[in-house]
C-alpha atoms as a PDB file:
ATOM      1  CA  UNK A   1     104.821 -62.239  -6.620  1.00  0.00           C
ATOM      2  CA  UNK A   2     102.131 -64.544  -5.360  1.00  0.00           C
ATOM      3  CA  UNK A   3     102.904 -66.116  -1.969  1.00  0.00           C
ATOM      4  CA  UNK A   4     103.641 -70.051  -2.176  1.00  0.00           C
ATOM      5  CA  UNK A   5     101.470 -72.391  -0.628  1.00  0.00           C
ATOM      6  CA  UNK A   6     102.581 -74.543   2.152  1.00  0.00           C
ATOM      7  CA  UNK A   7     102.734 -77.613  -0.253  1.00  0.00           C
ATOM      8  CA  UNK A   8     105.007 -75.472  -2.522  1.00  0.00           C
ATOM      9  CA  UNK A   9     107.167 -74.268   0.412  1.00  0.00           C
ATOM     10  CA  UNK A  10     107.516 -77.663   2.039  1.00  0.00           C
ATOM     11  CA  UNK A  11     106.858 -80.427  -0.682  1.00  0.00           C
ATOM     12  CA  UNK A  12     108.569 -82.987   1.502  1.00  0.00           C
ATOM     13  CA  UNK A  13     105.780 -82.709   4.036  1.00  0.00           C
ATOM     14  CA  UNK A  14     102.893 -83.522   1.647  1.00  0.00           C
ATOM     15  CA  UNK A  15     102.315 -86.970   0.136  1.00  0.00           C
ATOM     16  CA  UNK A  16      99.344 -87.684  -2.015  1.00  0.00           C
ATOM     17  CA  UNK A  17      97.426 -91.006  -1.222  1.00  0.00           C
ATOM     18  CA  UNK A  18      96.866 -92.481   2.168  1.00  0.00           C
ATOM     19  CA  UNK A  19      97.795 -95.238   4.727  1.00  0.00           C
ATOM     20  CA  UNK A  20      95.759 -97.954   6.653  1.00  0.00           C
ATOM     21  CA  UNK A  21      96.526 -98.146  10.436  1.00  0.00           C
ATOM     22  CA  UNK A  22      95.050-100.065  13.443  1.00  0.00           C
ATOM     23  CA  UNK A  23      93.779 -97.695  16.029  1.00  0.00           C
ATOM     24  CA  UNK A  24      94.349 -99.007  19.528  1.00  0.00           C
ATOM     25  CA  UNK A  25      91.854 -98.589  22.350  1.00  0.00           C
ATOM     26  CA  UNK A  26      92.561 -95.355  24.309  1.00  0.00           C
ATOM     27  CA  UNK A  27      93.470 -92.469  21.998  1.00  0.00           C
ATOM     28  CA  UNK A  28      90.937 -90.383  19.910  1.00  0.00           C
ATOM     29  CA  UNK A  29      90.908 -90.764  16.116  1.00  0.00           C
ATOM     30  CA  UNK A  30      92.449 -87.276  16.002  1.00  0.00           C
ATOM     31  CA  UNK A  31      95.197 -88.202  18.219  1.00  0.00           C
ATOM     32  CA  UNK A  32      95.975 -91.345  15.999  1.00  0.00           C
ATOM     33  CA  UNK A  33      96.221 -88.888  13.093  1.00  0.00           C
ATOM     34  CA  UNK A  34      98.684 -86.655  14.976  1.00  0.00           C
ATOM     35  CA  UNK A  35     100.869 -89.579  15.914  1.00  0.00           C
ATOM     36  CA  UNK A  36     101.143 -90.848  12.237  1.00  0.00           C
ATOM     37  CA  UNK A  37     101.790 -87.105  11.014  1.00  0.00           C
ATOM     38  CA  UNK A  38     104.626 -86.995  13.474  1.00  0.00           C
ATOM     39  CA  UNK A  39     106.098 -90.207  12.681  1.00  0.00           C
ATOM     40  CA  UNK A  40     105.906 -89.487   8.733  1.00  0.00           C
ATOM     41  CA  UNK A  41     106.821 -85.741   9.196  1.00  0.00           C
ATOM     42  CA  UNK A  42     103.826 -84.825   7.192  1.00  0.00           C
ATOM     43  CA  UNK A  43     100.951 -82.328   7.322  1.00  0.00           C
ATOM     44  CA  UNK A  44      97.327 -82.306   6.652  1.00  0.00           C
ATOM     45  CA  UNK A  45      96.483 -85.910   7.274  1.00  0.00           C
ATOM     46  CA  UNK A  46      92.649 -86.742   7.574  1.00  0.00           C
ATOM     47  CA  UNK A  47      90.817 -89.869   8.170  1.00  0.00           C
ATOM     48  CA  UNK A  48      87.771 -91.798   6.681  1.00  0.00           C
ATOM     49  CA  UNK A  49      85.550 -92.405   9.631  1.00  0.00           C
ATOM     50  CA  UNK A  50      85.956 -91.672  13.350  1.00  0.00           C
ATOM     51  CA  UNK A  51      86.414 -94.328  15.982  1.00  0.00           C
ATOM     52  CA  UNK A  52      85.556 -93.554  19.626  1.00  0.00           C
ATOM     53  CA  UNK A  53      88.518 -93.541  22.187  1.00  0.00           C
ATOM     54  CA  UNK A  54      87.239 -96.824  23.561  1.00  0.00           C
ATOM     55  CA  UNK A  55      86.983 -98.595  20.104  1.00  0.00           C
ATOM     56  CA  UNK A  56      89.833 -99.997  18.081  1.00  0.00           C
ATOM     57  CA  UNK A  57      90.111-101.111  14.574  1.00  0.00           C
ATOM     58  CA  UNK A  58      90.935-100.296  11.019  1.00  0.00           C
ATOM     59  CA  UNK A  59      91.364 -96.573   9.996  1.00  0.00           C
ATOM     60  CA  UNK A  60      92.236 -95.250   6.536  1.00  0.00           C
ATOM     61  CA  UNK A  61      94.208 -92.023   6.665  1.00  0.00           C
ATOM     62  CA  UNK A  62      94.637 -89.739   3.603  1.00  0.00           C
ATOM     63  CA  UNK A  63      96.940 -86.888   2.661  1.00  0.00           C
ATOM     64  CA  UNK A  64      97.563 -84.395  -0.056  1.00  0.00           C
ATOM     65  CA  UNK A  65      95.342 -85.073  -3.201  1.00  0.00           C
ATOM     66  CA  UNK A  66      94.026 -88.260  -1.405  1.00  0.00           C
ATOM     67  CA  UNK A  67      91.867 -86.123   0.795  1.00  0.00           C
ATOM     68  CA  UNK A  68      89.985 -84.898  -2.037  1.00  0.00           C
ATOM     69  CA  UNK A  69      88.673 -88.474  -2.598  1.00  0.00           C
ATOM     70  CA  UNK A  70      87.383 -88.887   1.067  1.00  0.00           C
ATOM     71  CA  UNK A  71      83.838 -88.603   0.002  1.00  0.00           C
ATOM     72  CA  UNK A  72      84.187 -91.716  -2.197  1.00  0.00           C
ATOM     73  CA  UNK A  73      86.277 -93.613   0.417  1.00  0.00           C
ATOM     74  CA  UNK A  74      83.898 -93.241   3.261  1.00  0.00           C
ATOM     75  CA  UNK A  75      80.584 -94.321   1.701  1.00  0.00           C
ATOM     76  CA  UNK A  76      81.556 -98.085   1.848  1.00  0.00           C
ATOM     77  CA  UNK A  77      80.292-100.586   4.505  1.00  0.00           C
ATOM     78  CA  UNK A  78      82.280-101.306   7.643  1.00  0.00           C
ATOM     79  CA  UNK A  79      82.357-104.326   9.723  1.00  0.00           C
ATOM     80  CA  UNK A  80      82.619-104.264  13.583  1.00  0.00           C
ATOM     81  CA  UNK A  81      82.780-106.913  16.411  1.00  0.00           C
ATOM     82  CA  UNK A  82      80.721-105.397  19.244  1.00  0.00           C
ATOM     83  CA  UNK A  83      80.496-106.619  22.868  1.00  0.00           C
ATOM     84  CA  UNK A  84      77.207-105.819  24.295  1.00  0.00           C
ATOM     85  CA  UNK A  85      76.603-106.132  28.104  1.00  0.00           C
ATOM     86  CA  UNK A  86      72.841-106.773  28.940  1.00  0.00           C
ATOM     87  CA  UNK A  87      71.333-105.741  32.082  1.00  0.00           C
ATOM     88  CA  UNK A  88      73.798-102.762  32.202  1.00  0.00           C
ATOM     89  CA  UNK A  89      72.819 -99.157  31.376  1.00  0.00           C
ATOM     90  CA  UNK A  90      75.157 -96.053  30.500  1.00  0.00           C
ATOM     91  CA  UNK A  91      74.378 -92.509  30.060  1.00  0.00           C
ATOM     92  CA  UNK A  92      76.998 -92.471  27.270  1.00  0.00           C
ATOM     93  CA  UNK A  93      76.042 -95.839  25.694  1.00  0.00           C
ATOM     94  CA  UNK A  94      79.545 -97.309  26.354  1.00  0.00           C
ATOM     95  CA  UNK A  95      81.937 -98.200  29.135  1.00  0.00           C
ATOM     96  CA  UNK A  96      82.799 -94.490  29.916  1.00  0.00           C
ATOM     97  CA  UNK A  97      79.511 -94.683  31.877  1.00  0.00           C
ATOM     98  CA  UNK A  98      78.486 -93.889  34.460  1.00  0.00           C
ATOM     99  CA  UNK A  99      77.180 -97.421  34.622  1.00  0.00           C
ATOM    100  CA  UNK A 100      73.907 -98.669  36.129  1.00  0.00           C
ATOM    101  CA  UNK A 101      73.207-102.333  36.988  1.00  0.00           C
ATOM    102  CA  UNK A 102      69.850-103.961  36.814  1.00  0.00           C
ATOM    103  CA  UNK A 103      68.484-105.633  39.993  1.00  0.00           C
ATOM    104  CA  UNK A 104      69.142-109.157  40.509  1.00  0.00           C
ATOM    105  CA  UNK A 105      65.322-109.820  40.032  1.00  0.00           C
ATOM    106  CA  UNK A 106      65.631-108.865  36.293  1.00  0.00           C
ATOM    107  CA  UNK A 107      66.079-111.844  34.037  1.00  0.00           C
ATOM    108  CA  UNK A 108      68.573-111.494  31.180  1.00  0.00           C
ATOM    109  CA  UNK A 109      67.749-112.656  27.696  1.00  0.00           C
ATOM    110  CA  UNK A 110      68.904-116.101  26.514  1.00  0.00           C
ATOM    111  CA  UNK A 111      70.871-116.367  23.299  1.00  0.00           C
ATOM    112  CA  UNK A 112      67.901-117.479  21.448  1.00  0.00           C
ATOM    113  CA  UNK A 113      66.015-114.393  22.594  1.00  0.00           C
ATOM    114  CA  UNK A 114      68.773-112.163  21.100  1.00  0.00           C
ATOM    115  CA  UNK A 115      68.954-114.334  17.830  1.00  0.00           C
ATOM    116  CA  UNK A 116      65.033-113.786  17.431  1.00  0.00           C
ATOM    117  CA  UNK A 117      65.162-109.963  17.442  1.00  0.00           C
ATOM    118  CA  UNK A 118      68.199-109.510  15.272  1.00  0.00           C
ATOM    119  CA  UNK A 119      66.348-109.736  11.905  1.00  0.00           C
ATOM    120  CA  UNK A 120      64.226-106.714  12.762  1.00  0.00           C
ATOM    121  CA  UNK A 121      67.498-104.505  12.811  1.00  0.00           C
ATOM    122  CA  UNK A 122      68.522-105.713   9.370  1.00  0.00           C
ATOM    123  CA  UNK A 123      67.980-103.212   6.388  1.00  0.00           C
ATOM    124  CA  UNK A 124      67.239 -99.634   6.239  1.00  0.00           C
ATOM    125  CA  UNK A 125      65.875 -98.038   9.235  1.00  0.00           C
ATOM    126  CA  UNK A 126      65.970 -94.735  11.376  1.00  0.00           C
ATOM    127  CA  UNK A 127      68.421 -94.425  14.300  1.00  0.00           C
ATOM    128  CA  UNK A 128      68.780 -92.097  17.133  1.00  0.00           C
ATOM    129  CA  UNK A 129      72.458 -91.154  17.678  1.00  0.00           C
ATOM    130  CA  UNK A 130      73.850 -91.252  21.154  1.00  0.00           C
ATOM    131  CA  UNK A 131      73.696 -87.887  22.969  1.00  0.00           C
ATOM    132  CA  UNK A 132      77.435 -88.338  23.564  1.00  0.00           C
ATOM    133  CA  UNK A 133      78.331 -88.380  19.967  1.00  0.00           C
ATOM    134  CA  UNK A 134      80.118 -86.142  17.465  1.00  0.00           C
ATOM    135  CA  UNK A 135      77.054 -85.235  15.521  1.00  0.00           C
ATOM    136  CA  UNK A 136      76.611 -81.540  15.221  1.00  0.00           C
ATOM    137  CA  UNK A 137      73.437 -79.665  16.679  1.00  0.00           C
ATOM    138  CA  UNK A 138      73.134 -76.117  15.967  1.00  0.00           C
ATOM    139  CA  UNK A 139      76.815 -75.926  15.159  1.00  0.00           C
ATOM    140  CA  UNK A 140      78.032 -77.746  18.203  1.00  0.00           C
ATOM    141  CA  UNK A 141      79.168 -81.162  18.842  1.00  0.00           C
ATOM    142  CA  UNK A 142      76.504 -83.355  20.690  1.00  0.00           C
ATOM    143  CA  UNK A 143      78.857 -84.637  23.383  1.00  0.00           C
ATOM    144  CA  UNK A 144      79.877 -81.033  24.401  1.00  0.00           C
ATOM    145  CA  UNK A 145      76.043 -80.337  24.832  1.00  0.00           C
ATOM    146  CA  UNK A 146      75.702 -83.487  26.969  1.00  0.00           C
ATOM    147  CA  UNK A 147      78.694 -82.589  29.165  1.00  0.00           C
ATOM    148  CA  UNK A 148      76.984 -79.352  29.774  1.00  0.00           C
ATOM    149  CA  UNK A 149      73.908 -81.070  31.017  1.00  0.00           C
ATOM    150  CA  UNK A 150      71.798 -80.895  27.891  1.00  0.00           C
ATOM    151  CA  UNK A 151      70.559 -84.484  27.269  1.00  0.00           C
ATOM    152  CA  UNK A 152      68.015 -83.778  24.662  1.00  0.00           C
ATOM    153  CA  UNK A 153      67.579 -86.774  22.344  1.00  0.00           C
ATOM    154  CA  UNK A 154      68.908 -86.295  18.887  1.00  0.00           C
ATOM    155  CA  UNK A 155      66.912 -86.410  15.673  1.00  0.00           C
ATOM    156  CA  UNK A 156      66.728 -90.006  14.186  1.00  0.00           C
ATOM    157  CA  UNK A 157      68.779 -90.440  11.020  1.00  0.00           C
ATOM    158  CA  UNK A 158      68.561 -93.078   8.176  1.00  0.00           C
ATOM    159  CA  UNK A 159      71.148 -95.881   8.557  1.00  0.00           C
ATOM    160  CA  UNK A 160      71.688 -99.375   7.002  1.00  0.00           C
ATOM    161  CA  UNK A 161      72.603-102.649   8.684  1.00  0.00           C
ATOM    162  CA  UNK A 162      73.498-105.495   6.290  1.00  0.00           C
ATOM    163  CA  UNK A 163      74.301-108.341   8.678  1.00  0.00           C
ATOM    164  CA  UNK A 164      74.083-109.112  12.394  1.00  0.00           C
ATOM    165  CA  UNK A 165      75.684-112.488  13.599  1.00  0.00           C
ATOM    166  CA  UNK A 166      76.402-113.633  17.306  1.00  0.00           C
ATOM    167  CA  UNK A 167      79.784-114.784  17.628  1.00  0.00           C
ATOM    168  CA  UNK A 168      79.961-115.429  21.348  1.00  0.00           C
ATOM    169  CA  UNK A 169      77.478-115.356  24.374  1.00  0.00           C
ATOM    170  CA  UNK A 170      78.337-115.903  27.914  1.00  0.00           C
ATOM    171  CA  UNK A 171      74.953-115.354  29.632  1.00  0.00           C
ATOM    172  CA  UNK A 172      75.292-111.570  29.984  1.00  0.00           C
ATOM    173  CA  UNK A 173      77.673-110.439  27.464  1.00  0.00           C
ATOM    174  CA  UNK A 174      77.266-110.914  23.667  1.00  0.00           C
ATOM    175  CA  UNK A 175      79.867-110.517  21.114  1.00  0.00           C
ATOM    176  CA  UNK A 176      78.127-109.628  17.865  1.00  0.00           C
ATOM    177  CA  UNK A 177      79.473-109.049  14.342  1.00  0.00           C
ATOM    178  CA  UNK A 178      77.911-106.077  12.576  1.00  0.00           C
ATOM    179  CA  UNK A 179      78.195-105.076   8.864  1.00  0.00           C
ATOM    180  CA  UNK A 180      76.662-101.796   8.315  1.00  0.00           C
ATOM    181  CA  UNK A 181      76.711 -98.611   6.137  1.00  0.00           C
ATOM    182  CA  UNK A 182      78.420 -95.318   7.051  1.00  0.00           C
ATOM    183  CA  UNK A 183      76.858 -93.305   9.901  1.00  0.00           C
ATOM    184  CA  UNK A 184      75.738 -96.201  11.964  1.00  0.00           C
ATOM    185  CA  UNK A 185      76.220 -95.969  15.712  1.00  0.00           C
ATOM    186  CA  UNK A 186      76.917 -99.322  17.311  1.00  0.00           C
ATOM    187  CA  UNK A 187      76.246 -97.782  20.678  1.00  0.00           C
ATOM    188  CA  UNK A 188      72.719 -96.870  19.611  1.00  0.00           C
ATOM    189  CA  UNK A 189      72.380-100.509  18.069  1.00  0.00           C
ATOM    190  CA  UNK A 190      73.418-102.007  21.541  1.00  0.00           C
ATOM    191  CA  UNK A 191      70.856 -99.677  23.369  1.00  0.00           C
ATOM    192  CA  UNK A 192      68.161-100.550  20.764  1.00  0.00           C
ATOM    193  CA  UNK A 193      68.810-104.217  21.221  1.00  0.00           C
ATOM    194  CA  UNK A 194      68.160-103.953  24.966  1.00  0.00           C
ATOM    195  CA  UNK A 195      65.073-101.991  24.472  1.00  0.00           C
ATOM    196  CA  UNK A 196      63.722-104.667  22.222  1.00  0.00           C
ATOM    197  CA  UNK A 197      64.395-107.220  24.912  1.00  0.00           C
ATOM    198  CA  UNK A 198      63.239-105.131  27.776  1.00  0.00           C
ATOM    199  CA  UNK A 199      66.518-104.642  29.636  1.00  0.00           C
ATOM    200  CA  UNK A 200      69.216-101.996  29.353  1.00  0.00           C
ATOM    201  CA  UNK A 201      72.307-102.794  27.228  1.00  0.00           C
ATOM    202  CA  UNK A 202      75.578-101.058  26.825  1.00  0.00           C
ATOM    203  CA  UNK A 203      78.577-101.319  24.223  1.00  0.00           C
ATOM    204  CA  UNK A 204      81.355-102.320  26.270  1.00  0.00           C
ATOM    205  CA  UNK A 205      84.020-103.096  23.562  1.00  0.00           C
ATOM    206  CA  UNK A 206      84.254-102.367  19.718  1.00  0.00           C
ATOM    207  CA  UNK A 207      86.516-103.388  17.114  1.00  0.00           C
ATOM    208  CA  UNK A 208      86.372-102.371  13.484  1.00  0.00           C
ATOM    209  CA  UNK A 209      87.639-105.221  11.484  1.00  0.00           C
ATOM    210  CA  UNK A 210      87.127-103.682   8.117  1.00  0.00           C
ATOM    211  CA  UNK A 211      86.589-100.271   6.322  1.00  0.00           C
ATOM    212  CA  UNK A 212      85.536-100.692   2.897  1.00  0.00           C
ATOM    213  CA  UNK A 213      87.841-103.119   1.103  1.00  0.00           C
ATOM    214  CA  UNK A 214      90.397-102.418   3.863  1.00  0.00           C
ATOM    215  CA  UNK A 215      90.858-105.042   6.550  1.00  0.00           C
ATOM    216  CA  UNK A 216      92.870-105.906   9.504  1.00  0.00           C
ATOM    217  CA  UNK A 217      95.415-107.425   7.187  1.00  0.00           C
ATOM    218  CA  UNK A 218      96.098-104.056   5.657  1.00  0.00           C
ATOM    219  CA  UNK A 219      96.269-102.118   8.932  1.00  0.00           C
ATOM    220  CA  UNK A 220      99.657-101.283  10.441  1.00  0.00           C
ATOM    221  CA  UNK A 221     100.363-100.408  14.183  1.00  0.00           C
ATOM    222  CA  UNK A 222     100.638 -96.558  14.468  1.00  0.00           C
ATOM    223  CA  UNK A 223     104.077 -97.015  16.471  1.00  0.00           C
ATOM    224  CA  UNK A 224     105.585 -98.903  13.501  1.00  0.00           C
ATOM    225  CA  UNK A 225     104.436 -96.869  10.253  1.00  0.00           C
ATOM    226  CA  UNK A 226     107.082 -95.373   8.041  1.00  0.00           C
ATOM    227  CA  UNK A 227     106.843 -93.624   4.617  1.00  0.00           C
ATOM    228  CA  UNK A 228     107.624 -97.051   3.134  1.00  0.00           C
ATOM    229  CA  UNK A 229     104.195 -98.082   4.078  1.00  0.00           C
ATOM    230  CA  UNK A 230     102.495 -95.120   2.318  1.00  0.00           C
ATOM    231  CA  UNK A 231     100.035 -95.920  -0.394  1.00  0.00           C
ATOM    232  CA  UNK A 232     100.066 -93.825  -3.506  1.00  0.00           C
ATOM    233  CA  UNK A 233      96.861 -92.039  -4.752  1.00  0.00           C
ATOM    234  CA  UNK A 234      96.491 -94.719  -7.574  1.00  0.00           C
ATOM    235  CA  UNK A 235      96.685 -97.561  -5.024  1.00  0.00           C
ATOM    236  CA  UNK A 236      94.366 -95.816  -2.592  1.00  0.00           C
ATOM    237  CA  UNK A 237      91.515 -95.467  -5.068  1.00  0.00           C
ATOM    238  CA  UNK A 238      92.295 -98.729  -7.015  1.00  0.00           C
ATOM    239  CA  UNK A 239      89.153-100.535  -5.883  1.00  0.00           C
ATOM    240  CA  UNK A 240      86.766 -97.832  -7.257  1.00  0.00           C
ATOM    241  CA  UNK A 241      85.118 -97.969 -10.742  1.00  0.00           C
ATOM    242  CA  UNK A 242      87.471 -96.254 -13.295  1.00  0.00           C
ATOM    243  CA  UNK A 243      87.920 -95.153 -16.718  1.00  0.00           C
ATOM    244  CA  UNK A 244      91.063 -94.326 -18.661  1.00  0.00           C
ATOM    245  CA  UNK A 245      91.120 -91.463 -21.161  1.00  0.00           C
ATOM    246  CA  UNK A 246      93.578 -89.855 -23.517  1.00  0.00           C
ATOM    247  CA  UNK A 247      95.840 -86.999 -22.251  1.00  0.00           C
ATOM    248  CA  UNK A 248      93.831 -84.546 -24.718  1.00  0.00           C
ATOM    249  CA  UNK A 249      90.618 -85.795 -23.423  1.00  0.00           C
ATOM    250  CA  UNK A 250      91.706 -85.337 -19.859  1.00  0.00           C
ATOM    251  CA  UNK A 251      92.844 -81.751 -20.576  1.00  0.00           C
ATOM    252  CA  UNK A 252      89.293 -81.097 -21.878  1.00  0.00           C
ATOM    253  CA  UNK A 253      87.803 -82.497 -18.859  1.00  0.00           C
ATOM    254  CA  UNK A 254      89.973 -80.382 -16.769  1.00  0.00           C
ATOM    255  CA  UNK A 255      88.600 -77.472 -18.357  1.00  0.00           C
ATOM    256  CA  UNK A 256      85.199 -78.452 -17.120  1.00  0.00           C
ATOM    257  CA  UNK A 257      84.056 -80.001 -20.508  1.00  0.00           C
ATOM    258  CA  UNK A 258      81.779 -82.973 -20.702  1.00  0.00           C
ATOM    259  CA  UNK A 259      82.523 -85.915 -22.815  1.00  0.00           C
ATOM    260  CA  UNK A 260      80.075 -87.917 -24.876  1.00  0.00           C
ATOM    261  CA  UNK A 261      80.669 -91.435 -23.496  1.00  0.00           C
ATOM    262  CA  UNK A 262      79.416 -93.325 -26.539  1.00  0.00           C
ATOM    263  CA  UNK A 263      81.414 -91.362 -28.827  1.00  0.00           C
ATOM    264  CA  UNK A 264      84.782 -91.877 -26.650  1.00  0.00           C
ATOM    265  CA  UNK A 265      84.238 -95.640 -25.690  1.00  0.00           C
ATOM    266  CA  UNK A 266      86.356 -97.788 -27.808  1.00  0.00           C
ATOM    267  CA  UNK A 267      88.689 -95.076 -28.784  1.00  0.00           C
ATOM    268  CA  UNK A 268      89.555 -92.297 -26.329  1.00  0.00           C
ATOM    269  CA  UNK A 269      87.826 -94.002 -23.086  1.00  0.00           C
ATOM    270  CA  UNK A 270      88.483 -97.342 -21.921  1.00  0.00           C
ATOM    271  CA  UNK A 271      86.565 -98.882 -18.934  1.00  0.00           C
ATOM    272  CA  UNK A 272      89.062-100.675 -16.493  1.00  0.00           C
ATOM    273  CA  UNK A 273      88.506-104.453 -16.471  1.00  0.00           C
ATOM    274  CA  UNK A 274      88.493-104.745 -12.693  1.00  0.00           C
ATOM    275  CA  UNK A 275      85.998-102.106 -11.809  1.00  0.00           C
ATOM    276  CA  UNK A 276      83.876-101.769 -15.008  1.00  0.00           C
ATOM    277  CA  UNK A 277      80.212-101.480 -14.071  1.00  0.00           C
ATOM    278  CA  UNK A 278      80.843-102.309 -10.403  1.00  0.00           C
ATOM    279  CA  UNK A 279      78.002-100.199  -8.766  1.00  0.00           C
ATOM    280  CA  UNK A 280      78.770-101.810  -5.419  1.00  0.00           C
ATOM    281  CA  UNK A 281      82.317-100.658  -5.387  1.00  0.00           C
ATOM    282  CA  UNK A 282      81.006 -97.229  -6.511  1.00  0.00           C
ATOM    283  CA  UNK A 283      79.363 -96.803  -2.959  1.00  0.00           C
ATOM    284  CA  UNK A 284      75.903 -95.083  -2.243  1.00  0.00           C
ATOM    285  CA  UNK A 285      73.327 -93.774  -4.356  1.00  0.00           C
ATOM    286  CA  UNK A 286      75.133 -90.404  -4.465  1.00  0.00           C
ATOM    287  CA  UNK A 287      78.320 -91.893  -5.972  1.00  0.00           C
ATOM    288  CA  UNK A 288      77.030 -94.745  -7.902  1.00  0.00           C
ATOM    289  CA  UNK A 289      77.503 -93.231 -11.315  1.00  0.00           C
ATOM    290  CA  UNK A 290      80.924 -91.670 -10.594  1.00  0.00           C
ATOM    291  CA  UNK A 291      84.284 -92.994 -12.101  1.00  0.00           C
ATOM    292  CA  UNK A 292      87.771 -92.315 -11.235  1.00  0.00           C
ATOM    293  CA  UNK A 293      89.603 -90.860 -14.410  1.00  0.00           C
ATOM    294  CA  UNK A 294      93.031 -91.992 -15.289  1.00  0.00           C
ATOM    295  CA  UNK A 295      95.350 -90.527 -18.033  1.00  0.00           C
ATOM    296  CA  UNK A 296      98.781 -91.974 -18.429  1.00  0.00           C
ATOM    297  CA  UNK A 297      98.479 -94.136 -15.329  1.00  0.00           C
ATOM    298  CA  UNK A 298      97.658 -91.237 -13.105  1.00  0.00           C
ATOM    299  CA  UNK A 299      94.625 -90.214 -11.332  1.00  0.00           C
ATOM    300  CA  UNK A 300      93.094 -87.099 -12.863  1.00  0.00           C
ATOM    301  CA  UNK A 301      89.825 -86.711 -10.940  1.00  0.00           C
ATOM    302  CA  UNK A 302      86.433 -87.878 -10.558  1.00  0.00           C
ATOM    303  CA  UNK A 303      83.586 -87.795 -13.158  1.00  0.00           C
ATOM    304  CA  UNK A 304      79.887 -88.851 -13.103  1.00  0.00           C
ATOM    305  CA  UNK A 305      78.035 -90.636 -15.915  1.00  0.00           C
ATOM    306  CA  UNK A 306      75.031 -88.844 -16.793  1.00  0.00           C
ATOM    307  CA  UNK A 307      72.838 -90.312 -19.352  1.00  0.00           C
ATOM    308  CA  UNK A 308      75.415 -90.313 -22.334  1.00  0.00           C
ATOM    309  CA  UNK A 309      77.660 -87.783 -20.836  1.00  0.00           C
ATOM    310  CA  UNK A 310      80.792 -88.074 -18.621  1.00  0.00           C
ATOM    311  CA  UNK A 311      80.919 -84.955 -16.647  1.00  0.00           C
ATOM    312  CA  UNK A 312      83.807 -83.780 -14.330  1.00  0.00           C
ATOM    313  CA  UNK A 313      82.790 -83.829 -10.837  1.00  0.00           C
ATOM    314  CA  UNK A 314      86.091 -83.277  -8.990  1.00  0.00           C
ATOM    315  CA  UNK A 315      89.185 -82.441 -10.794  1.00  0.00           C
ATOM    316  CA  UNK A 316      92.797 -82.183  -9.967  1.00  0.00           C
ATOM    317  CA  UNK A 317      94.448 -79.076 -11.782  1.00  0.00           C
ATOM    318  CA  UNK A 318      97.293 -79.480 -14.021  1.00  0.00           C
ATOM    319  CA  UNK A 319      99.596 -77.931 -11.492  1.00  0.00           C
ATOM    320  CA  UNK A 320      98.420 -80.499  -8.818  1.00  0.00           C
ATOM    321  CA  UNK A 321      98.943 -83.322 -11.270  1.00  0.00           C
ATOM    322  CA  UNK A 322     102.536 -81.912 -12.141  1.00  0.00           C
ATOM    323  CA  UNK A 323     103.312 -81.923  -8.419  1.00  0.00           C
ATOM    324  CA  UNK A 324     102.162 -85.342  -8.127  1.00  0.00           C
ATOM    325  CA  UNK A 325     104.289 -86.591 -10.982  1.00  0.00           C
ATOM    326  CA  UNK A 326     107.377 -84.908  -9.931  1.00  0.00           C
END
């Protein structure tokens, strides 16, 4: 007899879907996941985007079959409020330091100086991640290399910044709203702003106010979450472009068969009204043609529209769907 999986042996410890929480300043993202798992008596939770220990903000956690959709949940823009201290340098790029202060003779920029350079950081560009970051270099986290004394600069990576806006300025510290694509390091942005102005600059505080469609209004304190706050898989992915198909068609797609979209439209396939053709909701260029596939009101998987075909890309097996429904 085949050995049962952990999910089969302990079904009450696995829920499909996710939950939106507010990460406080201090604990790591992994620690927040552990706290929520313990409070909800769950296993195997993941998250859709790391926040540094000194950062606070919105975190989307996934569980069970919800974790299979992380690729589509992490590609959306995020919004931050960043406090940048000009005239102060940091080896780590943030308040963890050690910090170095500029001489009194160094003149700090005016608000107008900062506003003048912001446009050059808007759009797609190459950004060098901080040496103290979770980026993997030869299989090892960059921050571990840095702690061992290896401060070799990392390779620049493409990022996208949609919006930069000054919220507050006190003559040395500037609070900036940043709307950006995934993979953008706000610590690097702070450093680069200082470099453009000819002074050191360090990220002193960071709040993520939204993660995709999820904002502070959705986020719960980690010490107050209960299972009643858990989002079903259908609610978790409800903002993604979707199509509904018949049971028979879902079974065919579950066997890896592609579907002629033009032949199915109007009969077996119906595009949902809310997300039909919403390429922005679909995410980046790698997921823009993808659709969440529903059958009988339940999520069945992800398919990609390729010319006239609807091709299964990630599918939940019949057994997995039965478990979800039970």
